[in-house]
Amino acid sequence: VLSSAVTIFQVITLEGWSSLMYSYQDTVSYATSSIFFVAVVIIGAFTTLNLVLAAIMHSYLEQDNKRKA
């Protein structure tokens, strides 16, 4: 379980995920591995990026409201 969590974290952070994908393609199936990794990258990485940007924007707007008040 820990190994799979680390693998998902590595794919979401986009750090070295391509070598993992190539290893899984050799082991399992080319199509299945490609679909899985592309889906995790799209859903995980881009969603995480949007959440971080939303938190930064929220913080900025709070500071702006405090400055105006």
PDB file of N, CA and C in Angstrom:
ATOM      1  N   VAL A   1       0.835  -1.183   0.000  1.00  0.00           N
ATOM      2  CA  VAL A   1       0.000   0.000   0.000  1.00  0.00           C
ATOM      3  C   VAL A   1       0.884   1.252   0.000  1.00  0.00           C
ATOM      4  N   LEU A   2       1.923   1.239   0.801  1.00  0.00           N
ATOM      5  CA  LEU A   2       2.812   2.395   0.865  1.00  0.00           C
ATOM      6  C   LEU A   2       3.508   2.623  -0.475  1.00  0.00           C
ATOM      7  N   SER A   3       3.916   1.552  -1.102  1.00  0.00           N
ATOM      8  CA  SER A   3       4.578   1.658  -2.399  1.00  0.00           C
ATOM      9  C   SER A   3       3.640   2.235  -3.458  1.00  0.00           C
ATOM     10  N   SER A   4       2.393   1.826  -3.429  1.00  0.00           N
ATOM     11  CA  SER A   4       1.440   2.369  -4.405  1.00  0.00           C
ATOM     12  C   SER A   4       1.143   3.841  -4.129  1.00  0.00           C
ATOM     13  N   ALA A   5       1.090   4.227  -2.858  1.00  0.00           N
ATOM     14  CA  ALA A   5       0.871   5.630  -2.515  1.00  0.00           C
ATOM     15  C   ALA A   5       2.041   6.499  -2.982  1.00  0.00           C
ATOM     16  N   VAL A   6       3.250   5.984  -2.820  1.00  0.00           N
ATOM     17  CA  VAL A   6       4.428   6.716  -3.276  1.00  0.00           C
ATOM     18  C   VAL A   6       4.423   6.834  -4.797  1.00  0.00           C
ATOM     19  N   THR A   7       4.010   5.772  -5.474  1.00  0.00           N
ATOM     20  CA  THR A   7       3.937   5.809  -6.939  1.00  0.00           C
ATOM     21  C   THR A   7       2.928   6.839  -7.415  1.00  0.00           C
ATOM     22  N   ILE A   8       1.749   6.863  -6.820  1.00  0.00           N
ATOM     23  CA  ILE A   8       0.724   7.849  -7.191  1.00  0.00           C
ATOM     24  C   ILE A   8       1.217   9.261  -6.894  1.00  0.00           C
ATOM     25  N   PHE A   9       1.877   9.454  -5.754  1.00  0.00           N
ATOM     26  CA  PHE A   9       2.425  10.770  -5.421  1.00  0.00           C
ATOM     27  C   PHE A   9       3.470  11.194  -6.444  1.00  0.00           C
ATOM     28  N   GLN A  10       4.298  10.262  -6.857  1.00  0.00           N
ATOM     29  CA  GLN A  10       5.339  10.564  -7.845  1.00  0.00           C
ATOM     30  C   GLN A  10       4.716  10.944  -9.182  1.00  0.00           C
ATOM     31  N   VAL A  11       3.646  10.284  -9.566  1.00  0.00           N
ATOM     32  CA  VAL A  11       2.982  10.613 -10.833  1.00  0.00           C
ATOM     33  C   VAL A  11       2.289  11.966 -10.730  1.00  0.00           C
ATOM     34  N   ILE A  12       1.630  12.232  -9.616  1.00  0.00           N
ATOM     35  CA  ILE A  12       0.911  13.504  -9.455  1.00  0.00           C
ATOM     36  C   ILE A  12       1.876  14.689  -9.454  1.00  0.00           C
ATOM     37  N   THR A  13       3.064  14.512  -8.858  1.00  0.00           N
ATOM     38  CA  THR A  13       4.027  15.609  -8.833  1.00  0.00           C
ATOM     39  C   THR A  13       4.804  15.736 -10.142  1.00  0.00           C
ATOM     40  N   LEU A  14       4.581  14.810 -11.072  1.00  0.00           N
ATOM     41  CA  LEU A  14       5.200  14.808 -12.401  1.00  0.00           C
ATOM     42  C   LEU A  14       6.719  14.656 -12.338  1.00  0.00           C
ATOM     43  N   GLU A  15       7.206  13.995 -11.310  1.00  0.00           N
ATOM     44  CA  GLU A  15       8.641  13.812 -11.139  1.00  0.00           C
ATOM     45  C   GLU A  15       9.013  12.367 -11.447  1.00  0.00           C
ATOM     46  N   GLY A  16       9.514  12.112 -12.625  1.00  0.00           N
ATOM     47  CA  GLY A  16       9.965  10.787 -13.002  1.00  0.00           C
ATOM     48  C   GLY A  16       8.861   9.805 -13.327  1.00  0.00           C
ATOM     49  N   TRP A  17       7.697  10.311 -13.677  1.00  0.00           N
ATOM     50  CA  TRP A  17       6.572   9.423 -13.931  1.00  0.00           C
ATOM     51  C   TRP A  17       6.701   8.685 -15.259  1.00  0.00           C
ATOM     52  N   SER A  18       7.434   9.235 -16.197  1.00  0.00           N
ATOM     53  CA  SER A  18       7.533   8.586 -17.505  1.00  0.00           C
ATOM     54  C   SER A  18       8.295   7.260 -17.431  1.00  0.00           C
ATOM     55  N   SER A  19       9.342   7.210 -16.613  1.00  0.00           N
ATOM     56  CA  SER A  19      10.064   5.938 -16.474  1.00  0.00           C
ATOM     57  C   SER A  19       9.195   4.886 -15.797  1.00  0.00           C
ATOM     58  N   LEU A  20       8.364   5.319 -14.847  1.00  0.00           N
ATOM     59  CA  LEU A  20       7.418   4.386 -14.240  1.00  0.00           C
ATOM     60  C   LEU A  20       6.421   3.865 -15.271  1.00  0.00           C
ATOM     61  N   MET A  21       5.927   4.761 -16.109  1.00  0.00           N
ATOM     62  CA  MET A  21       4.962   4.360 -17.117  1.00  0.00           C
ATOM     63  C   MET A  21       5.573   3.357 -18.087  1.00  0.00           C
ATOM     64  N   TYR A  22       6.804   3.589 -18.501  1.00  0.00           N
ATOM     65  CA  TYR A  22       7.455   2.658 -19.418  1.00  0.00           C
ATOM     66  C   TYR A  22       7.649   1.292 -18.761  1.00  0.00           C
ATOM     67  N   SER A  23       7.984   1.271 -17.487  1.00  0.00           N
ATOM     68  CA  SER A  23       8.136  -0.001 -16.776  1.00  0.00           C
ATOM     69  C   SER A  23       6.815  -0.757 -16.696  1.00  0.00           C
ATOM     70  N   TYR A  24       5.745  -0.026 -16.393  1.00  0.00           N
ATOM     71  CA  TYR A  24       4.430  -0.665 -16.318  1.00  0.00           C
ATOM     72  C   TYR A  24       3.952  -1.110 -17.700  1.00  0.00           C
ATOM     73  N   GLN A  25       4.304  -0.376 -18.739  1.00  0.00           N
ATOM     74  CA  GLN A  25       3.937  -0.794 -20.083  1.00  0.00           C
ATOM     75  C   GLN A  25       4.626  -2.096 -20.459  1.00  0.00           C
ATOM     76  N   ASP A  26       5.869  -2.265 -20.048  1.00  0.00           N
ATOM     77  CA  ASP A  26       6.573  -3.515 -20.315  1.00  0.00           C
ATOM     78  C   ASP A  26       5.997  -4.666 -19.501  1.00  0.00           C
ATOM     79  N   THR A  27       5.534  -4.371 -18.301  1.00  0.00           N
ATOM     80  CA  THR A  27       5.047  -5.415 -17.403  1.00  0.00           C
ATOM     81  C   THR A  27       3.604  -5.814 -17.693  1.00  0.00           C
ATOM     82  N   VAL A  28       2.716  -4.852 -17.816  1.00  0.00           N
ATOM     83  CA  VAL A  28       1.285  -5.141 -17.915  1.00  0.00           C
ATOM     84  C   VAL A  28       0.852  -5.070 -19.369  1.00  0.00           C
ATOM     85  N   SER A  29       0.299  -3.955 -19.735  1.00  0.00           N
ATOM     86  CA  SER A  29      -0.215  -3.761 -21.086  1.00  0.00           C
ATOM     87  C   SER A  29       0.071  -2.336 -21.510  1.00  0.00           C
ATOM     88  N   TYR A  30       0.379  -2.170 -22.768  1.00  0.00           N
ATOM     89  CA  TYR A  30       0.709  -0.843 -23.268  1.00  0.00           C
ATOM     90  C   TYR A  30      -0.489   0.101 -23.139  1.00  0.00           C
ATOM     91  N   ALA A  31      -1.639  -0.318 -23.621  1.00  0.00           N
ATOM     92  CA  ALA A  31      -2.822   0.543 -23.632  1.00  0.00           C
ATOM     93  C   ALA A  31      -3.316   0.835 -22.218  1.00  0.00           C
ATOM     94  N   THR A  32      -3.403  -0.188 -21.406  1.00  0.00           N
ATOM     95  CA  THR A  32      -3.907  -0.006 -20.046  1.00  0.00           C
ATOM     96  C   THR A  32      -3.013   0.932 -19.242  1.00  0.00           C
ATOM     97  N   SER A  33      -1.721   0.738 -19.325  1.00  0.00           N
ATOM     98  CA  SER A  33      -0.791   1.590 -18.579  1.00  0.00           C
ATOM     99  C   SER A  33      -0.832   3.024 -19.071  1.00  0.00           C
ATOM    100  N   SER A  34      -0.900   3.192 -20.382  1.00  0.00           N
ATOM    101  CA  SER A  34      -0.945   4.548 -20.937  1.00  0.00           C
ATOM    102  C   SER A  34      -2.194   5.282 -20.488  1.00  0.00           C
ATOM    103  N   ILE A  35      -3.336   4.619 -20.557  1.00  0.00           N
ATOM    104  CA  ILE A  35      -4.596   5.249 -20.143  1.00  0.00           C
ATOM    105  C   ILE A  35      -4.552   5.596 -18.663  1.00  0.00           C
ATOM    106  N   PHE A  36      -4.053   4.676 -17.836  1.00  0.00           N
ATOM    107  CA  PHE A  36      -3.988   4.919 -16.398  1.00  0.00           C
ATOM    108  C   PHE A  36      -3.105   6.118 -16.068  1.00  0.00           C
ATOM    109  N   PHE A  37      -1.909   6.148 -16.619  1.00  0.00           N
ATOM    110  CA  PHE A  37      -0.977   7.221 -16.274  1.00  0.00           C
ATOM    111  C   PHE A  37      -1.438   8.571 -16.820  1.00  0.00           C
ATOM    112  N   VAL A  38      -1.981   8.589 -18.006  1.00  0.00           N
ATOM    113  CA  VAL A  38      -2.485   9.861 -18.544  1.00  0.00           C
ATOM    114  C   VAL A  38      -3.667  10.353 -17.718  1.00  0.00           C
ATOM    115  N   ALA A  39      -4.544   9.454 -17.304  1.00  0.00           N
ATOM    116  CA  ALA A  39      -5.685   9.849 -16.476  1.00  0.00           C
ATOM    117  C   ALA A  39      -5.226  10.376 -15.119  1.00  0.00           C
ATOM    118  N   VAL A  40      -4.248   9.717 -14.513  1.00  0.00           N
ATOM    119  CA  VAL A  40      -3.748  10.176 -13.209  1.00  0.00           C
ATOM    120  C   VAL A  40      -3.069  11.530 -13.346  1.00  0.00           C
ATOM    121  N   VAL A  41      -2.324  11.733 -14.417  1.00  0.00           N
ATOM    122  CA  VAL A  41      -1.662  13.022 -14.624  1.00  0.00           C
ATOM    123  C   VAL A  41      -2.702  14.119 -14.829  1.00  0.00           C
ATOM    124  N   ILE A  42      -3.678  13.879 -15.658  1.00  0.00           N
ATOM    125  CA  ILE A  42      -4.683  14.907 -15.936  1.00  0.00           C
ATOM    126  C   ILE A  42      -5.507  15.209 -14.694  1.00  0.00           C
ATOM    127  N   ILE A  43      -6.017  14.172 -14.068  1.00  0.00           N
ATOM    128  CA  ILE A  43      -6.880  14.381 -12.907  1.00  0.00           C
ATOM    129  C   ILE A  43      -6.073  14.841 -11.698  1.00  0.00           C
ATOM    130  N   GLY A  44      -4.976  14.169 -11.417  1.00  0.00           N
ATOM    131  CA  GLY A  44      -4.211  14.469 -10.211  1.00  0.00           C
ATOM    132  C   GLY A  44      -3.408  15.741 -10.278  1.00  0.00           C
ATOM    133  N   ALA A  45      -2.557  15.860 -11.268  1.00  0.00           N
ATOM    134  CA  ALA A  45      -1.641  17.000 -11.327  1.00  0.00           C
ATOM    135  C   ALA A  45      -2.376  18.308 -11.600  1.00  0.00           C
ATOM    136  N   PHE A  46      -3.266  18.298 -12.555  1.00  0.00           N
ATOM    137  CA  PHE A  46      -3.940  19.541 -12.887  1.00  0.00           C
ATOM    138  C   PHE A  46      -4.941  19.954 -11.815  1.00  0.00           C
ATOM    139  N   THR A  47      -5.578  18.978 -11.173  1.00  0.00           N
ATOM    140  CA  THR A  47      -6.476  19.308 -10.070  1.00  0.00           C
ATOM    141  C   THR A  47      -5.683  19.875  -8.901  1.00  0.00           C
ATOM    142  N   THR A  48      -4.555  19.274  -8.597  1.00  0.00           N
ATOM    143  CA  THR A  48      -3.706  19.781  -7.518  1.00  0.00           C
ATOM    144  C   THR A  48      -3.211  21.186  -7.832  1.00  0.00           C
ATOM    145  N   LEU A  49      -2.820  21.416  -9.057  1.00  0.00           N
ATOM    146  CA  LEU A  49      -2.376  22.750  -9.458  1.00  0.00           C
ATOM    147  C   LEU A  49      -3.498  23.767  -9.282  1.00  0.00           C
ATOM    148  N   ASN A  50      -4.705  23.416  -9.689  1.00  0.00           N
ATOM    149  CA  ASN A  50      -5.832  24.332  -9.532  1.00  0.00           C
ATOM    150  C   ASN A  50      -6.148  24.602  -8.070  1.00  0.00           C
ATOM    151  N   LEU A  51      -6.018  23.592  -7.208  1.00  0.00           N
ATOM    152  CA  LEU A  51      -6.255  23.805  -5.782  1.00  0.00           C
ATOM    153  C   LEU A  51      -5.223  24.741  -5.179  1.00  0.00           C
ATOM    154  N   VAL A  52      -3.975  24.595  -5.560  1.00  0.00           N
ATOM    155  CA  VAL A  52      -2.918  25.476  -5.044  1.00  0.00           C
ATOM    156  C   VAL A  52      -3.154  26.909  -5.516  1.00  0.00           C
ATOM    157  N   LEU A  53      -3.497  27.065  -6.782  1.00  0.00           N
ATOM    158  CA  LEU A  53      -3.767  28.410  -7.301  1.00  0.00           C
ATOM    159  C   LEU A  53      -4.985  29.034  -6.632  1.00  0.00           C
ATOM    160  N   ALA A  54      -6.000  28.235  -6.337  1.00  0.00           N
ATOM    161  CA  ALA A  54      -7.186  28.747  -5.641  1.00  0.00           C
ATOM    162  C   ALA A  54      -6.833  29.184  -4.228  1.00  0.00           C
ATOM    163  N   ALA A  55      -5.968  28.448  -3.554  1.00  0.00           N
ATOM    164  CA  ALA A  55      -5.553  28.831  -2.199  1.00  0.00           C
ATOM    165  C   ALA A  55      -4.757  30.128  -2.223  1.00  0.00           C
ATOM    166  N   ILE A  56      -3.886  30.283  -3.195  1.00  0.00           N
ATOM    167  CA  ILE A  56      -3.113  31.526  -3.322  1.00  0.00           C
ATOM    168  C   ILE A  56      -4.039  32.699  -3.614  1.00  0.00           C
ATOM    169  N   MET A  57      -4.992  32.501  -4.500  1.00  0.00           N
ATOM    170  CA  MET A  57      -5.929  33.575  -4.840  1.00  0.00           C
ATOM    171  C   MET A  57      -6.791  33.937  -3.635  1.00  0.00           C
ATOM    172  N   HIS A  58      -7.230  32.934  -2.882  1.00  0.00           N
ATOM    173  CA  HIS A  58      -8.028  33.194  -1.683  1.00  0.00           C
ATOM    174  C   HIS A  58      -7.228  34.005  -0.667  1.00  0.00           C
ATOM    175  N   SER A  59      -5.981  33.641  -0.475  1.00  0.00           N
ATOM    176  CA  SER A  59      -5.122  34.376   0.449  1.00  0.00           C
ATOM    177  C   SER A  59      -4.920  35.815  -0.015  1.00  0.00           C
ATOM    178  N   TYR A  60      -4.707  35.992  -1.300  1.00  0.00           N
ATOM    179  CA  TYR A  60      -4.531  37.335  -1.848  1.00  0.00           C
ATOM    180  C   TYR A  60      -5.793  38.174  -1.642  1.00  0.00           C
ATOM    181  N   LEU A  61      -6.946  37.605  -1.906  1.00  0.00           N
ATOM    182  CA  LEU A  61      -8.197  38.351  -1.746  1.00  0.00           C
ATOM    183  C   LEU A  61      -8.475  38.698  -0.291  1.00  0.00           C
ATOM    184  N   GLU A  62      -8.129  37.816   0.633  1.00  0.00           N
ATOM    185  CA  GLU A  62      -8.282  38.138   2.051  1.00  0.00           C
ATOM    186  C   GLU A  62      -7.400  39.326   2.448  1.00  0.00           C
ATOM    187  N   GLN A  63      -6.151  39.313   1.991  1.00  0.00           N
ATOM    188  CA  GLN A  63      -5.242  40.416   2.305  1.00  0.00           C
ATOM    189  C   GLN A  63      -5.734  41.713   1.667  1.00  0.00           C
ATOM    190  N   ASP A  64      -6.282  41.624   0.470  1.00  0.00           N
ATOM    191  CA  ASP A  64      -6.797  42.803  -0.207  1.00  0.00           C
ATOM    192  C   ASP A  64      -8.001  43.368   0.531  1.00  0.00           C
ATOM    193  N   ASN A  65      -8.873  42.485   1.012  1.00  0.00           N
ATOM    194  CA  ASN A  65     -10.033  42.949   1.788  1.00  0.00           C
ATOM    195  C   ASN A  65      -9.622  43.574   3.109  1.00  0.00           C
ATOM    196  N   LYS A  66      -8.586  43.012   3.769  1.00  0.00           N
ATOM    197  CA  LYS A  66      -8.094  43.596   5.014  1.00  0.00           C
ATOM    198  C   LYS A  66      -7.482  44.961   4.765  1.00  0.00           C
ATOM    199  N   ARG A  67      -6.776  45.096   3.636  1.00  0.00           N
ATOM    200  CA  ARG A  67      -6.147  46.382   3.323  1.00  0.00           C
ATOM    201  C   ARG A  67      -7.203  47.441   3.028  1.00  0.00           C
ATOM    202  N   LYS A  68      -8.284  47.053   2.362  1.00  0.00           N
ATOM    203  CA  LYS A  68      -9.350  48.008   2.043  1.00  0.00           C
ATOM    204  C   LYS A  68     -10.147  48.415   3.266  1.00  0.00           C
ATOM    205  N   ALA A  69     -10.248  47.515   4.241  1.00  0.00           N
ATOM    206  CA  ALA A  69     -11.055  47.796   5.441  1.00  0.00           C
ATOM    207  C   ALA A  69     -10.307  48.616   6.450  1.00  0.00           C
TER     208      ALA A  69
END
